[in-house]
C-alpha atoms as a PDB file:
ATOM      1  CA  ARG A   1     138.780  77.400 101.237  1.00  0.00           C
ATOM      2  CA  ILE A   2     140.004  78.403 104.644  1.00  0.00           C
ATOM      3  CA  CYS A   3     136.822  77.223 106.248  1.00  0.00           C
ATOM      4  CA  PRO A   4     134.399  75.760 103.782  1.00  0.00           C
ATOM      5  CA  PRO A   5     130.686  76.626 104.632  1.00  0.00           C
ATOM      6  CA  ARG A   6     128.321  73.785 105.889  1.00  0.00           C
ATOM      7  CA  PRO A   7     125.154  73.283 107.733  1.00  0.00           C
ATOM      8  CA  GLY A   8     125.450  74.059 111.495  1.00  0.00           C
ATOM      9  CA  LEU A   9     128.868  75.971 111.006  1.00  0.00           C
ATOM     10  CA  ARG A  10     128.634  78.920 113.738  1.00  0.00           C
ATOM     11  CA  VAL A  11     130.218  82.031 112.054  1.00  0.00           C
ATOM     12  CA  LEU A  12     131.024  85.518 113.243  1.00  0.00           C
ATOM     13  CA  GLU A  13     132.160  88.150 110.955  1.00  0.00           C
ATOM     14  CA  PRO A  14     133.024  91.356 112.892  1.00  0.00           C
ATOM     15  CA  GLY A  15     133.394  94.370 110.656  1.00  0.00           C
ATOM     16  CA  CYS A  16     131.157  92.737 108.050  1.00  0.00           C
ATOM     17  CA  GLY A  17     130.584  95.885 106.094  1.00  0.00           C
ATOM     18  CA  SER A  18     128.208  94.620 103.165  1.00  0.00           C
ATOM     19  CA  ALA A  19     128.314  91.043 104.762  1.00  0.00           C
ATOM     20  CA  LYS A  20     128.995  89.583 101.369  1.00  0.00           C
ATOM     21  CA  PHE A  21     130.926  86.838 102.693  1.00  0.00           C
ATOM     22  CA  SER A  22     128.438  86.334 105.508  1.00  0.00           C
ATOM     23  CA  ILE A  23     125.623  86.005 102.938  1.00  0.00           C
ATOM     24  CA  GLY A  24     127.483  83.376 101.215  1.00  0.00           C
ATOM     25  CA  TYR A  25     127.934  81.242 104.520  1.00  0.00           C
ATOM     26  CA  ALA A  26     124.407  81.782 105.476  1.00  0.00           C
ATOM     27  CA  LEU A  27     123.154  80.542 102.025  1.00  0.00           C
ATOM     28  CA  ARG A  28     125.350  77.418 102.446  1.00  0.00           C
ATOM     29  CA  GLY A  29     123.622  76.547 105.716  1.00  0.00           C
ATOM     30  CA  ALA A  30     125.825  78.264 108.186  1.00  0.00           C
ATOM     31  CA  HIS A  31     124.466  80.051 111.225  1.00  0.00           C
ATOM     32  CA  VAL A  32     126.088  83.552 110.905  1.00  0.00           C
ATOM     33  CA  GLU A  33     126.235  86.474 112.803  1.00  0.00           C
ATOM     34  CA  ALA A  34     127.651  89.656 111.207  1.00  0.00           C
ATOM     35  CA  LEU A  35     128.469  92.790 113.053  1.00  0.00           C
ATOM     36  CA  ASP A  36     129.431  96.304 112.106  1.00  0.00           C
ATOM     37  CA  ILE A  37     129.770  99.644 113.939  1.00  0.00           C
ATOM     38  CA  ASP A  38     128.224 101.544 110.880  1.00  0.00           C
ATOM     39  CA  GLN A  39     124.324 101.481 110.693  1.00  0.00           C
ATOM     40  CA  GLY A  40     124.531 102.634 107.093  1.00  0.00           C
ATOM     41  CA  VAL A  41     126.525  99.702 105.914  1.00  0.00           C
ATOM     42  CA  LEU A  42     124.253  97.535 107.964  1.00  0.00           C
ATOM     43  CA  LYS A  43     121.265  98.826 106.013  1.00  0.00           C
ATOM     44  CA  TYR A  44     123.219  98.219 102.717  1.00  0.00           C
ATOM     45  CA  ALA A  45     123.845  94.640 103.966  1.00  0.00           C
ATOM     46  CA  ALA A  46     120.238  94.137 104.756  1.00  0.00           C
ATOM     47  CA  ALA A  47     119.195  95.034 101.283  1.00  0.00           C
ATOM     48  CA  LEU A  48     121.846  92.612  99.888  1.00  0.00           C
ATOM     49  CA  TRP A  49     120.522  89.845 102.143  1.00  0.00           C
ATOM     50  CA  ALA A  50     116.990  90.645 100.916  1.00  0.00           C
ATOM     51  CA  LYS A  51     118.003  90.173  97.345  1.00  0.00           C
ATOM     52  CA  ALA A  52     119.872  87.089  97.898  1.00  0.00           C
ATOM     53  CA  LEU A  53     116.619  85.673  99.740  1.00  0.00           C
ATOM     54  CA  LEU A  54     114.365  86.731  96.719  1.00  0.00           C
ATOM     55  CA  ALA A  55     116.837  84.985  94.266  1.00  0.00           C
ATOM     56  CA  ARG A  56     117.295  81.932  96.550  1.00  0.00           C
ATOM     57  CA  PRO A  57     114.194  81.536  98.973  1.00  0.00           C
ATOM     58  CA  GLY A  58     114.725  79.167 101.971  1.00  0.00           C
ATOM     59  CA  LYS A  59     115.311  79.145 105.619  1.00  0.00           C
ATOM     60  CA  TYR A  60     118.728  80.729 106.461  1.00  0.00           C
ATOM     61  CA  GLU A  61     120.302  82.014 109.646  1.00  0.00           C
ATOM     62  CA  LEU A  62     121.931  85.319 109.350  1.00  0.00           C
ATOM     63  CA  ASP A  63     121.647  87.921 112.033  1.00  0.00           C
ATOM     64  CA  LEU A  64     122.955  91.513 111.245  1.00  0.00           C
ATOM     65  CA  ILE A  65     124.139  93.107 114.513  1.00  0.00           C
ATOM     66  CA  LEU A  66     125.053  96.851 115.320  1.00  0.00           C
ATOM     67  CA  GLY A  67     128.100  96.756 117.361  1.00  0.00           C
ATOM     68  CA  ASN A  68     131.723  97.292 118.098  1.00  0.00           C
ATOM     69  CA  LEU A  69     134.601  94.859 117.208  1.00  0.00           C
ATOM     70  CA  PHE A  70     136.246  95.843 120.641  1.00  0.00           C
ATOM     71  CA  ASP A  71     133.047  94.598 122.559  1.00  0.00           C
ATOM     72  CA  LEU A  72     132.915  91.112 121.106  1.00  0.00           C
ATOM     73  CA  GLU A  73     134.013  89.353 124.357  1.00  0.00           C
ATOM     74  CA  ARG A  74     131.346  91.321 126.221  1.00  0.00           C
ATOM     75  CA  MET A  75     128.595  90.892 123.664  1.00  0.00           C
ATOM     76  CA  PHE A  76     129.167  87.261 123.131  1.00  0.00           C
ATOM     77  CA  PRO A  77     130.536  85.884 126.429  1.00  0.00           C
ATOM     78  CA  ASP A  78     129.424  82.340 125.844  1.00  0.00           C
ATOM     79  CA  ALA A  79     129.438  82.338 122.084  1.00  0.00           C
ATOM     80  CA  LEU A  80     132.225  80.047 120.903  1.00  0.00           C
ATOM     81  CA  TYR A  81     132.339  80.291 117.130  1.00  0.00           C
ATOM     82  CA  ASP A  82     133.646  77.680 114.826  1.00  0.00           C
ATOM     83  CA  PHE A  83     134.955  80.369 112.406  1.00  0.00           C
ATOM     84  CA  VAL A  84     135.519  84.053 113.058  1.00  0.00           C
ATOM     85  CA  PHE A  85     136.905  86.273 110.295  1.00  0.00           C
ATOM     86  CA  ASN A  86     137.063  89.702 109.040  1.00  0.00           C
ATOM     87  CA  GLU A  87     138.487  91.634 105.897  1.00  0.00           C
ATOM     88  CA  GLY A  88     140.365  94.751 106.306  1.00  0.00           C
ATOM     89  CA  ILE A  89     140.069  95.989 110.032  1.00  0.00           C
ATOM     90  CA  SER A  90     143.338  95.752 111.672  1.00  0.00           C
ATOM     91  CA  HIS A  91     145.296  97.723 109.060  1.00  0.00           C
ATOM     92  CA  HIS A  92     143.164 100.688 109.679  1.00  0.00           C
ATOM     93  CA  PHE A  93     145.400 101.203 112.857  1.00  0.00           C
ATOM     94  CA  PRO A  94     148.882 102.245 112.858  1.00  0.00           C
ATOM     95  CA  ARG A  95     151.300  99.770 114.565  1.00  0.00           C
ATOM     96  CA  THR A  96     151.623 101.943 117.735  1.00  0.00           C
ATOM     97  CA  ASP A  97     147.776 101.870 118.194  1.00  0.00           C
ATOM     98  CA  TRP A  98     146.471  99.223 120.741  1.00  0.00           C
ATOM     99  CA  ARG A  99     143.607  98.677 118.653  1.00  0.00           C
ATOM    100  CA  ARG A 100     145.708  97.016 115.931  1.00  0.00           C
ATOM    101  CA  GLN A 101     146.473  93.969 118.117  1.00  0.00           C
ATOM    102  CA  GLU A 102     143.212  94.220 120.195  1.00  0.00           C
ATOM    103  CA  SER A 103     141.039  93.804 117.109  1.00  0.00           C
ATOM    104  CA  ILE A 104     142.633  90.451 116.548  1.00  0.00           C
ATOM    105  CA  ASN A 105     142.567  89.452 120.218  1.00  0.00           C
ATOM    106  CA  GLN A 106     138.780  90.309 120.421  1.00  0.00           C
ATOM    107  CA  MET A 107     138.220  87.805 117.458  1.00  0.00           C
ATOM    108  CA  VAL A 108     140.184  84.938 118.870  1.00  0.00           C
ATOM    109  CA  LYS A 109     138.482  85.303 122.307  1.00  0.00           C
ATOM    110  CA  VAL A 110     135.075  84.344 120.815  1.00  0.00           C
ATOM    111  CA  THR A 111     136.467  81.521 118.732  1.00  0.00           C
ATOM    112  CA  LYS A 112     136.037  78.175 120.338  1.00  0.00           C
ATOM    113  CA  PRO A 113     139.143  76.049 121.032  1.00  0.00           C
ATOM    114  CA  GLY A 114     140.013  74.237 117.932  1.00  0.00           C
ATOM    115  CA  GLY A 115     137.948  76.776 115.931  1.00  0.00           C
ATOM    116  CA  MET A 116     139.500  78.861 113.093  1.00  0.00           C
ATOM    117  CA  GLY A 117     140.272  82.476 113.339  1.00  0.00           C
ATOM    118  CA  CYS A 118     140.988  84.429 109.929  1.00  0.00           C
ATOM    119  CA  VAL A 119     142.220  87.956 109.304  1.00  0.00           C
ATOM    120  CA  MET A 120     142.531  89.565 105.769  1.00  0.00           C
ATOM    121  CA  VAL A 121     144.669  92.643 105.761  1.00  0.00           C
ATOM    122  CA  SER A 122     146.220  94.936 103.293  1.00  0.00           C
ATOM    123  CA  ASN A 123     149.775  93.774 102.174  1.00  0.00           C
ATOM    124  CA  ALA A 124     152.773  96.159 102.840  1.00  0.00           C
ATOM    125  CA  HIS A 125     154.681  94.489 100.106  1.00  0.00           C
ATOM    126  CA  CYS A 126     152.194  95.685  97.367  1.00  0.00           C
ATOM    127  CA  PRO A 127     153.225  99.266  96.187  1.00  0.00           C
ATOM    128  CA  GLU A 128     149.518 100.038  95.250  1.00  0.00           C
ATOM    129  CA  MET A 129     148.376  99.304  98.731  1.00  0.00           C
ATOM    130  CA  MET A 130     151.000 101.487 100.212  1.00  0.00           C
ATOM    131  CA  GLU A 131     150.085 104.374  97.938  1.00  0.00           C
ATOM    132  CA  TYR A 132     146.413 103.755  98.882  1.00  0.00           C
ATOM    133  CA  ALA A 133     147.205 103.961 102.499  1.00  0.00           C
ATOM    134  CA  ARG A 134     149.241 107.134 102.058  1.00  0.00           C
ATOM    135  CA  THR A 135     146.682 109.015  99.963  1.00  0.00           C
ATOM    136  CA  ILE A 136     143.325 107.958 100.993  1.00  0.00           C
ATOM    137  CA  SER A 137     144.123 107.975 104.814  1.00  0.00           C
ATOM    138  CA  HIS A 138     140.982 106.242 105.986  1.00  0.00           C
ATOM    139  CA  THR A 139     138.070 104.323 104.661  1.00  0.00           C
ATOM    140  CA  TYR A 140     135.436 105.179 107.329  1.00  0.00           C
ATOM    141  CA  LEU A 141     135.016 108.272 109.339  1.00  0.00           C
ATOM    142  CA  LYS A 142     135.448 106.346 112.703  1.00  0.00           C
ATOM    143  CA  MET A 143     138.863 105.093 111.634  1.00  0.00           C
ATOM    144  CA  PRO A 144     142.242 106.855 112.512  1.00  0.00           C
ATOM    145  CA  PRO A 145     143.863 108.983 110.008  1.00  0.00           C
ATOM    146  CA  LYS A 146     147.032 106.836 109.487  1.00  0.00           C
ATOM    147  CA  GLN A 147     146.758 103.189 108.110  1.00  0.00           C
ATOM    148  CA  GLU A 148     149.639 100.812 107.994  1.00  0.00           C
ATOM    149  CA  PRO A 149     149.517  97.615 105.831  1.00  0.00           C
ATOM    150  CA  PHE A 150     150.877  94.474 107.323  1.00  0.00           C
ATOM    151  CA  HIS A 151     153.942  92.419 106.498  1.00  0.00           C
ATOM    152  CA  GLY A 152     153.375  88.658 106.603  1.00  0.00           C
ATOM    153  CA  ASP A 153     155.599  88.202 109.669  1.00  0.00           C
ATOM    154  CA  GLU A 154     153.835  90.932 111.671  1.00  0.00           C
ATOM    155  CA  LEU A 155     150.448  89.383 110.842  1.00  0.00           C
ATOM    156  CA  CYS A 156     151.824  86.002 111.850  1.00  0.00           C
ATOM    157  CA  ASP A 157     153.110  87.418 115.359  1.00  0.00           C
ATOM    158  CA  SER A 158     149.722  89.223 115.956  1.00  0.00           C
ATOM    159  CA  LEU A 159     147.732  85.910 115.262  1.00  0.00           C
ATOM    160  CA  THR A 160     150.372  84.073 117.515  1.00  0.00           C
ATOM    161  CA  GLN A 161     149.966  86.642 120.326  1.00  0.00           C
ATOM    162  CA  ALA A 162     146.150  86.384 119.969  1.00  0.00           C
ATOM    163  CA  GLY A 163     146.196  82.709 120.813  1.00  0.00           C
ATOM    164  CA  LEU A 164     146.103  80.961 117.358  1.00  0.00           C
ATOM    165  CA  ILE A 165     148.415  78.075 116.416  1.00  0.00           C
ATOM    166  CA  ASP A 166     149.126  76.380 113.096  1.00  0.00           C
ATOM    167  CA  ILE A 167     149.188  79.785 111.478  1.00  0.00           C
ATOM    168  CA  LYS A 168     149.272  80.180 107.673  1.00  0.00           C
ATOM    169  CA  ILE A 169     149.865  83.489 105.839  1.00  0.00           C
ATOM    170  CA  VAL A 170     149.142  83.717 102.099  1.00  0.00           C
ATOM    171  CA  PRO A 171     148.595  86.460  99.541  1.00  0.00           C
ATOM    172  CA  VAL A 172     144.971  86.804  98.461  1.00  0.00           C
ATOM    173  CA  GLY A 173     144.761  86.671  94.578  1.00  0.00           C
ATOM    174  CA  GLY A 174     148.358  86.796  93.242  1.00  0.00           C
ATOM    175  CA  LEU A 175     151.944  86.920  93.974  1.00  0.00           C
ATOM    176  CA  TRP A 176     153.306  88.416  97.149  1.00  0.00           C
ATOM    177  CA  ALA A 177     154.439  91.781  95.483  1.00  0.00           C
ATOM    178  CA  ARG A 178     151.210  92.309  93.658  1.00  0.00           C
ATOM    179  CA  ALA A 179     148.485  90.934  96.094  1.00  0.00           C
ATOM    180  CA  MET A 180     146.703  93.776  97.589  1.00  0.00           C
ATOM    181  CA  LEU A 181     145.531  91.554 100.501  1.00  0.00           C
ATOM    182  CA  ILE A 182     147.253  88.920 102.759  1.00  0.00           C
ATOM    183  CA  ALA A 183     145.209  86.511 104.683  1.00  0.00           C
ATOM    184  CA  GLY A 184     146.391  84.877 107.951  1.00  0.00           C
ATOM    185  CA  TRP A 185     144.657  82.035 109.846  1.00  0.00           C
ATOM    186  CA  GLY A 186     144.927  79.528 112.426  1.00  0.00           C
ATOM    187  CA  THR A 187     143.307  77.520 114.869  1.00  0.00           C
ATOM    188  CA  ARG A 188     142.568  78.529 118.410  1.00  0.00           C
ATOM    189  CA  ALA A 189     144.639  76.834 120.942  1.00  0.00           C
ATOM    190  CA  PRO A 190     143.106  74.663 123.630  1.00  0.00           C
ATOM    191  CA  LEU A 191     142.110  76.627 126.842  1.00  0.00           C
ATOM    192  CA  GLY A 192     144.431  76.282 129.851  1.00  0.00           C
END
């Protein structure tokens, strides 16, 4: 609902994992590039994509790319996307870690002016997510040992600092206190 898929839409999903969202966009006509640092999850994503193509044959555009979220600006210097999003990257880094903000900055840098950027992160108001962050410690081997879920105002500030305007923050699937995730999105401000 944040950015409905449509033919010709240019989409980038850094930190795509299984690429389930990217697959959905590609099957609806968008040109999608999905990037992850983990070769294993990209193999899994490729297998899901192959199953999707068997179930719904056609000509679709989905590129699965091995790469680092922190290299987006270098990897895609001229690629100005209509929609750049990820689910669950920034909260893997503690508030004192420069990568928490830089993960959002990199996404916005490859979003075209007037395009949309969206980040879904764990919700600090959800007791279950806080417990998860304390006990599980990290999801992937490459992630730091301490994770910190976001409060809505912090996510809004991070998106603003990265260069988005008209920002909205909402719980994903429920009331604030019970939603495991929050989503924040906005439009990239004009350059200059």
